[in-house]
C-alpha atoms as a PDB file:
ATOM      1  CA  UNK A   1      -8.555  22.658  17.445  1.00  0.00           C
ATOM      2  CA  UNK A   2      -6.686  24.089  20.734  1.00  0.00           C
ATOM      3  CA  UNK A   3      -5.539  27.419  21.075  1.00  0.00           C
ATOM      4  CA  UNK A   4      -1.752  28.006  21.826  1.00  0.00           C
ATOM      5  CA  UNK A   5      -0.830  30.539  24.225  1.00  0.00           C
ATOM      6  CA  UNK A   6       1.938  32.725  23.259  1.00  0.00           C
ATOM      7  CA  UNK A   7       3.749  33.347  26.371  1.00  0.00           C
ATOM      8  CA  UNK A   8       6.557  35.934  26.609  1.00  0.00           C
ATOM      9  CA  UNK A   9       9.357  34.123  28.241  1.00  0.00           C
ATOM     10  CA  UNK A  10      12.920  35.807  29.466  1.00  0.00           C
ATOM     11  CA  UNK A  11      15.771  34.735  27.273  1.00  0.00           C
ATOM     12  CA  UNK A  12      17.768  33.901  30.115  1.00  0.00           C
ATOM     13  CA  UNK A  13      15.445  30.963  31.346  1.00  0.00           C
ATOM     14  CA  UNK A  14      15.503  29.489  27.998  1.00  0.00           C
ATOM     15  CA  UNK A  15      19.439  29.457  27.907  1.00  0.00           C
ATOM     16  CA  UNK A  16      19.437  28.217  31.467  1.00  0.00           C
ATOM     17  CA  UNK A  17      17.423  25.137  30.138  1.00  0.00           C
ATOM     18  CA  UNK A  18      19.478  24.752  27.189  1.00  0.00           C
ATOM     19  CA  UNK A  19      22.763  25.111  28.859  1.00  0.00           C
ATOM     20  CA  UNK A  20      21.638  22.524  31.491  1.00  0.00           C
ATOM     21  CA  UNK A  21      20.748  19.913  28.982  1.00  0.00           C
ATOM     22  CA  UNK A  22      23.623  20.112  26.599  1.00  0.00           C
ATOM     23  CA  UNK A  23      26.829  21.359  29.037  1.00  0.00           C
ATOM     24  CA  UNK A  24      28.543  20.322  31.842  1.00  0.00           C
ATOM     25  CA  UNK A  25      28.500  21.679  35.412  1.00  0.00           C
ATOM     26  CA  UNK A  26      31.023  24.736  34.732  1.00  0.00           C
ATOM     27  CA  UNK A  27      28.438  26.268  32.504  1.00  0.00           C
ATOM     28  CA  UNK A  28      26.235  26.714  35.448  1.00  0.00           C
ATOM     29  CA  UNK A  29      28.408  29.837  36.299  1.00  0.00           C
ATOM     30  CA  UNK A  30      27.590  31.175  32.794  1.00  0.00           C
ATOM     31  CA  UNK A  31      24.044  30.880  33.528  1.00  0.00           C
ATOM     32  CA  UNK A  32      24.618  32.751  36.832  1.00  0.00           C
ATOM     33  CA  UNK A  33      26.450  35.523  35.128  1.00  0.00           C
ATOM     34  CA  UNK A  34      23.500  35.714  32.552  1.00  0.00           C
ATOM     35  CA  UNK A  35      20.991  36.052  35.176  1.00  0.00           C
ATOM     36  CA  UNK A  36      22.866  38.788  37.058  1.00  0.00           C
ATOM     37  CA  UNK A  37      24.383  40.761  34.207  1.00  0.00           C
ATOM     38  CA  UNK A  38      21.851  43.382  33.760  1.00  0.00           C
ATOM     39  CA  UNK A  39      21.668  44.257  37.430  1.00  0.00           C
ATOM     40  CA  UNK A  40      25.528  44.076  37.983  1.00  0.00           C
ATOM     41  CA  UNK A  41      26.486  46.283  35.117  1.00  0.00           C
ATOM     42  CA  UNK A  42      23.691  48.458  34.563  1.00  0.00           C
ATOM     43  CA  UNK A  43      21.025  49.103  32.073  1.00  0.00           C
ATOM     44  CA  UNK A  44      23.086  51.190  29.341  1.00  0.00           C
ATOM     45  CA  UNK A  45      25.893  48.373  29.500  1.00  0.00           C
ATOM     46  CA  UNK A  46      23.381  45.539  29.411  1.00  0.00           C
ATOM     47  CA  UNK A  47      21.758  46.956  26.469  1.00  0.00           C
ATOM     48  CA  UNK A  48      24.982  46.957  24.507  1.00  0.00           C
ATOM     49  CA  UNK A  49      27.014  44.068  25.851  1.00  0.00           C
ATOM     50  CA  UNK A  50      26.148  40.246  26.710  1.00  0.00           C
ATOM     51  CA  UNK A  51      28.321  37.331  28.239  1.00  0.00           C
ATOM     52  CA  UNK A  52      28.898  34.599  25.579  1.00  0.00           C
ATOM     53  CA  UNK A  53      30.958  32.141  27.198  1.00  0.00           C
ATOM     54  CA  UNK A  54      33.690  31.260  29.799  1.00  0.00           C
ATOM     55  CA  UNK A  55      37.257  29.979  29.159  1.00  0.00           C
ATOM     56  CA  UNK A  56      38.750  29.294  32.604  1.00  0.00           C
ATOM     57  CA  UNK A  57      38.551  32.496  34.395  1.00  0.00           C
ATOM     58  CA  UNK A  58      38.254  34.412  31.265  1.00  0.00           C
ATOM     59  CA  UNK A  59      34.625  35.760  30.341  1.00  0.00           C
ATOM     60  CA  UNK A  60      33.942  36.486  26.733  1.00  0.00           C
ATOM     61  CA  UNK A  61      31.305  39.457  26.231  1.00  0.00           C
ATOM     62  CA  UNK A  62      29.878  40.432  22.830  1.00  0.00           C
ATOM     63  CA  UNK A  63      29.193  44.150  22.505  1.00  0.00           C
ATOM     64  CA  UNK A  64      27.314  45.962  19.565  1.00  0.00           C
ATOM     65  CA  UNK A  65      30.121  48.081  18.227  1.00  0.00           C
ATOM     66  CA  UNK A  66      33.569  49.141  18.331  1.00  0.00           C
ATOM     67  CA  UNK A  67      32.857  52.221  20.290  1.00  0.00           C
ATOM     68  CA  UNK A  68      31.240  50.166  22.909  1.00  0.00           C
ATOM     69  CA  UNK A  69      34.233  47.769  22.969  1.00  0.00           C
ATOM     70  CA  UNK A  70      36.604  50.535  23.428  1.00  0.00           C
ATOM     71  CA  UNK A  71      34.485  52.100  26.339  1.00  0.00           C
ATOM     72  CA  UNK A  72      34.264  48.947  28.018  1.00  0.00           C
ATOM     73  CA  UNK A  73      37.833  48.445  28.180  1.00  0.00           C
ATOM     74  CA  UNK A  74      38.031  51.276  30.668  1.00  0.00           C
ATOM     75  CA  UNK A  75      35.479  49.909  32.658  1.00  0.00           C
ATOM     76  CA  UNK A  76      36.598  46.335  32.685  1.00  0.00           C
ATOM     77  CA  UNK A  77      38.007  46.074  36.325  1.00  0.00           C
ATOM     78  CA  UNK A  78      35.127  47.604  37.741  1.00  0.00           C
ATOM     79  CA  UNK A  79      32.618  45.176  35.842  1.00  0.00           C
ATOM     80  CA  UNK A  80      34.717  42.068  37.046  1.00  0.00           C
ATOM     81  CA  UNK A  81      34.402  43.370  40.693  1.00  0.00           C
ATOM     82  CA  UNK A  82      30.659  43.882  40.225  1.00  0.00           C
ATOM     83  CA  UNK A  83      29.988  40.557  38.685  1.00  0.00           C
ATOM     84  CA  UNK A  84      32.402  38.661  41.133  1.00  0.00           C
ATOM     85  CA  UNK A  85      30.751  40.467  44.179  1.00  0.00           C
ATOM     86  CA  UNK A  86      27.267  39.377  42.797  1.00  0.00           C
ATOM     87  CA  UNK A  87      28.200  35.894  42.237  1.00  0.00           C
ATOM     88  CA  UNK A  88      29.904  35.759  45.762  1.00  0.00           C
ATOM     89  CA  UNK A  89      33.120  34.193  44.523  1.00  0.00           C
ATOM     90  CA  UNK A  90      36.053  35.242  42.219  1.00  0.00           C
ATOM     91  CA  UNK A  91      34.802  33.496  39.228  1.00  0.00           C
ATOM     92  CA  UNK A  92      35.971  36.211  36.602  1.00  0.00           C
ATOM     93  CA  UNK A  93      39.768  37.149  36.394  1.00  0.00           C
ATOM     94  CA  UNK A  94      39.539  38.714  32.921  1.00  0.00           C
ATOM     95  CA  UNK A  95      37.134  39.701  30.282  1.00  0.00           C
ATOM     96  CA  UNK A  96      37.542  39.877  26.561  1.00  0.00           C
ATOM     97  CA  UNK A  97      35.285  41.898  24.426  1.00  0.00           C
ATOM     98  CA  UNK A  98      34.350  41.214  20.919  1.00  0.00           C
ATOM     99  CA  UNK A  99      31.825  42.344  18.451  1.00  0.00           C
ATOM    100  CA  UNK A 100      28.940  40.009  18.297  1.00  0.00           C
ATOM    101  CA  UNK A 101      25.144  39.446  18.558  1.00  0.00           C
ATOM    102  CA  UNK A 102      23.921  41.024  21.812  1.00  0.00           C
END
């Protein structure tokens, strides 16, 4: 019987593979946002908020609580600037926060 190695894999790489197999080219932008999210927004926000989907130029972001949702409303413009700067293009014009799995 062969032993299976249990390797730790970053969730971003798994999501990239799934999106590439099941979705179209526009979702490549979402995978880019996923891969740069932590560095663009910082550790505290990254632990409490995670991008979920794109709808046009709107980025939907799940947050852990209403407190974080309220806080991120004040930081929304800055987050949009940081994400677009990291992407090298103005992909995100608006962010909508909602409570959901992070």
